[in-house]
Amino acid sequence: MTLIVVTGPARSGKSEFAETLARDSGRSVTYIATSRVDTDDREWETRIDRHRRRRPPAWETREVPVELAAAVAAADGSGCVLVDSLGTWVANTLDREEEDWNILCDDLRHSLLQTSATVILVAEETGWGVVPAYPIGRKFRDRLGMLVRQLGAASDTTYAIVAGYVLNLTQLGFPLGDRLAKP
């Protein structure tokens, strides 16, 4: 298994970069879209359509708003799985109590460890600004932040896309846990 995390703020180019990595992998690609289609939200539909139009026709697309671990586990082990995005998945699961949320995350981590596929995860960075003034916003930010931190530390490569620039964090930095473990 190869795990790649692509993270960054809104409109930074995360998805396009992740799609390039998937296309360049030389493997068949399964695109897992975590968004829920809302026909009452035209702007959201336009965003989803923009993503759909960028995908090559040969890519298999699965719409998986919640059962992400099962979708990763079911993917072709010889292929490439592109998950876009973890932030949307977290938003779709905010109604879960903490214990259920932890089980979902454990299941996802387990499926990532078990697959032999190349997995590319797109994740938003939401904690670079003000702490949200409302509980659900803080819950979202904290859950996503911890998940991205855990998956980034476990990944083979982690990229940050900022202002249209790609930074390979694996080459430029070191995982925080490793640094803290040293005397």
Protein backbone atom coordinates (compact mmCIF):
# COMPACT_ATOMS: atom_id res chain seq x y z
CA MET A 1 0.00 0.00 0.00
CA THR A 2 1.08 3.51 -0.77
CA LEU A 3 -0.71 6.30 1.11
CA ILE A 4 -0.51 9.88 -0.11
CA VAL A 5 -2.18 12.83 1.63
CA VAL A 6 -2.79 16.06 -0.28
CA THR A 7 -3.87 18.88 1.99
CA GLY A 8 -4.32 22.62 1.83
CA PRO A 9 -6.83 25.45 2.04
CA ALA A 10 -9.84 26.05 -0.19
CA ARG A 11 -9.22 26.63 -3.89
CA SER A 12 -5.50 25.93 -3.56
CA GLY A 13 -5.37 23.20 -6.22
CA LYS A 14 -5.52 20.12 -3.97
CA SER A 15 -7.96 18.16 -6.09
CA GLU A 16 -6.25 18.96 -9.38
CA PHE A 17 -2.88 17.91 -7.96
CA ALA A 18 -4.34 14.69 -6.52
CA GLU A 19 -5.96 13.94 -9.89
CA THR A 20 -2.57 14.41 -11.58
CA LEU A 21 -0.98 11.98 -9.12
CA ALA A 22 -3.72 9.43 -9.81
CA ARG A 23 -3.45 9.86 -13.57
CA ASP A 24 0.35 9.52 -13.41
CA SER A 25 0.20 6.40 -11.22
CA GLY A 26 -0.22 4.18 -14.28
CA ARG A 27 -2.96 2.27 -12.46
CA SER A 28 -6.70 2.04 -12.96
CA VAL A 29 -8.34 4.77 -10.86
CA THR A 30 -11.33 4.56 -8.56
CA TYR A 31 -12.50 8.05 -7.61
CA ILE A 32 -14.40 8.12 -4.33
CA ALA A 33 -16.52 11.25 -4.10
CA THR A 34 -17.62 11.92 -0.54
CA SER A 35 -20.05 14.75 -1.29
CA ARG A 36 -23.80 14.43 -1.12
CA VAL A 37 -25.65 15.84 -4.11
CA ASP A 38 -28.13 18.53 -3.09
CA THR A 39 -30.36 19.47 -6.01
CA ASP A 40 -31.58 22.53 -4.06
CA ASP A 41 -28.04 23.96 -3.95
CA ARG A 42 -27.10 25.05 -7.49
CA GLU A 43 -23.68 26.37 -6.45
CA TRP A 44 -22.78 23.00 -4.87
CA GLU A 45 -24.00 21.16 -7.96
CA THR A 46 -21.76 23.42 -10.09
CA ARG A 47 -18.75 22.52 -7.94
CA ILE A 48 -19.50 18.81 -8.22
CA ASP A 49 -19.97 19.11 -11.98
CA ARG A 50 -16.59 20.88 -12.33
CA HIS A 51 -14.93 17.93 -10.58
CA ARG A 52 -16.81 15.41 -12.73
CA ARG A 53 -15.75 17.10 -15.98
CA ARG A 54 -12.07 16.92 -15.02
CA ARG A 55 -12.13 13.15 -14.51
CA PRO A 56 -11.10 10.90 -17.39
CA PRO A 57 -13.97 8.69 -18.61
CA ALA A 58 -12.02 5.52 -17.78
CA TRP A 59 -12.04 6.34 -14.07
CA GLU A 60 -14.62 4.52 -11.99
CA THR A 61 -16.52 6.91 -9.73
CA ARG A 62 -18.19 5.88 -6.50
CA GLU A 63 -20.27 8.28 -4.46
CA VAL A 64 -19.59 7.39 -0.82
CA PRO A 65 -20.74 10.04 1.65
CA VAL A 66 -20.23 7.95 4.84
CA GLU A 67 -19.02 4.35 4.36
CA LEU A 68 -15.51 5.34 3.33
CA ALA A 69 -13.67 2.48 5.06
CA ALA A 70 -15.80 -0.10 3.25
CA ALA A 71 -15.24 1.63 -0.10
CA VAL A 72 -11.45 1.63 0.38
CA ALA A 73 -11.54 -2.02 1.46
CA ALA A 74 -13.60 -2.98 -1.60
CA ALA A 75 -11.36 -1.17 -4.09
CA ASP A 76 -9.14 -3.03 -6.55
CA GLY A 77 -5.86 -3.63 -4.76
CA SER A 78 -3.89 -3.23 -7.96
CA GLY A 79 -5.40 0.17 -8.68
CA CYS A 80 -5.28 3.72 -7.38
CA VAL A 81 -8.00 5.06 -5.10
CA LEU A 82 -8.53 8.82 -4.98
CA VAL A 83 -10.70 10.06 -2.11
CA ASP A 84 -12.00 13.60 -2.53
CA SER A 85 -12.42 14.72 0.19
CA LEU A 86 -11.90 13.95 3.87
CA GLY A 87 -13.38 17.31 4.89
CA THR A 88 -16.66 16.52 3.19
CA TRP A 89 -16.64 13.05 4.74
CA VAL A 90 -16.10 14.57 8.20
CA ALA A 91 -18.96 17.02 7.57
CA ASN A 92 -21.22 14.10 6.59
CA THR A 93 -20.47 12.36 9.90
CA LEU A 94 -20.74 15.27 12.34
CA ASP A 95 -23.94 13.83 13.75
CA ARG A 96 -21.98 10.86 15.14
CA GLU A 97 -21.23 10.75 18.85
CA GLU A 98 -17.55 10.70 19.79
CA GLU A 99 -17.42 6.92 20.30
CA ASP A 100 -19.02 6.25 16.89
CA TRP A 101 -16.72 8.82 15.27
CA ASN A 102 -13.67 7.08 16.73
CA ILE A 103 -14.90 3.75 15.37
CA LEU A 104 -15.34 5.28 11.90
CA CYS A 105 -11.77 6.61 12.02
CA ASP A 106 -10.37 3.31 13.29
CA ASP A 107 -12.18 1.48 10.50
CA LEU A 108 -10.78 3.90 7.93
CA ARG A 109 -7.22 3.55 9.22
CA HIS A 110 -7.60 -0.25 9.25
CA SER A 111 -8.87 -0.32 5.65
CA LEU A 112 -5.96 1.91 4.57
CA LEU A 113 -3.47 -0.45 6.21
CA GLN A 114 -5.07 -3.53 4.64
CA THR A 115 -5.34 -2.40 1.04
CA SER A 116 -2.58 -2.96 -1.47
CA ALA A 117 -3.89 -0.10 -3.62
CA THR A 118 -2.26 3.29 -3.92
CA VAL A 119 -4.55 5.61 -1.96
CA ILE A 120 -4.58 9.37 -2.41
CA LEU A 121 -6.54 11.34 0.18
CA VAL A 122 -7.55 14.96 -0.43
CA ALA A 123 -8.01 16.87 2.83
CA GLU A 124 -8.87 20.45 3.59
CA GLU A 125 -6.91 22.51 6.11
CA THR A 126 -9.48 24.42 8.12
CA GLY A 127 -7.63 25.31 11.30
CA TRP A 128 -5.46 28.12 9.92
CA GLY A 129 -7.90 30.79 10.97
CA VAL A 130 -10.08 31.89 13.82
CA VAL A 131 -11.48 29.28 16.20
CA PRO A 132 -15.15 28.93 15.17
CA ALA A 133 -17.55 30.66 17.55
CA TYR A 134 -20.09 27.84 17.37
CA PRO A 135 -19.81 24.23 18.65
CA ILE A 136 -20.45 22.40 15.36
CA GLY A 137 -17.75 24.45 13.63
CA ARG A 138 -15.23 23.61 16.35
CA LYS A 139 -16.22 19.95 16.22
CA PHE A 140 -15.69 19.87 12.45
CA ARG A 141 -12.35 21.68 12.61
CA ASP A 142 -11.02 19.55 15.45
CA ARG A 143 -12.13 16.23 13.96
CA LEU A 144 -10.73 17.01 10.54
CA GLY A 145 -7.50 18.42 11.97
CA MET A 146 -6.80 15.35 14.09
CA LEU A 147 -7.68 12.95 11.26
CA VAL A 148 -5.40 14.73 8.77
CA ARG A 149 -2.61 14.84 11.34
CA GLN A 150 -2.88 11.09 12.00
CA LEU A 151 -3.14 10.11 8.34
CA GLY A 152 -0.39 12.54 7.30
CA ALA A 153 1.99 11.05 9.86
CA ALA A 154 1.15 7.54 8.62
CA SER A 155 1.43 8.41 4.93
CA ASP A 156 4.28 7.64 2.58
CA THR A 157 4.10 11.18 1.23
CA THR A 158 2.21 14.24 2.40
CA TYR A 159 1.83 17.30 0.21
CA ALA A 160 0.54 20.74 1.14
CA ILE A 161 -0.85 22.88 -1.64
CA VAL A 162 -0.75 26.56 -0.71
CA ALA A 163 -1.46 29.46 -3.06
CA GLY A 164 -1.06 27.13 -6.03
CA TYR A 165 2.35 25.82 -4.91
CA VAL A 166 3.03 22.18 -4.09
CA LEU A 167 5.14 21.51 -1.02
CA ASN A 168 6.33 17.98 -0.28
CA LEU A 169 6.07 18.00 3.51
CA THR A 170 7.66 14.55 3.75
CA GLN A 171 10.88 15.92 2.23
CA LEU A 172 10.78 19.32 3.92
CA GLY A 173 9.80 18.33 7.43
CA PHE A 174 9.43 15.53 9.92
CA PRO A 175 6.42 14.07 11.74
CA LEU A 176 5.78 15.82 15.03
CA GLY A 177 5.54 12.54 16.95
CA ASP A 178 9.05 11.50 15.91
CA ARG A 179 10.47 14.84 17.05
CA LEU A 180 8.73 14.64 20.41
CA ALA A 181 10.01 11.10 21.04
CA LYS A 182 13.67 12.15 20.79
CA PRO A 183 15.47 13.47 23.88
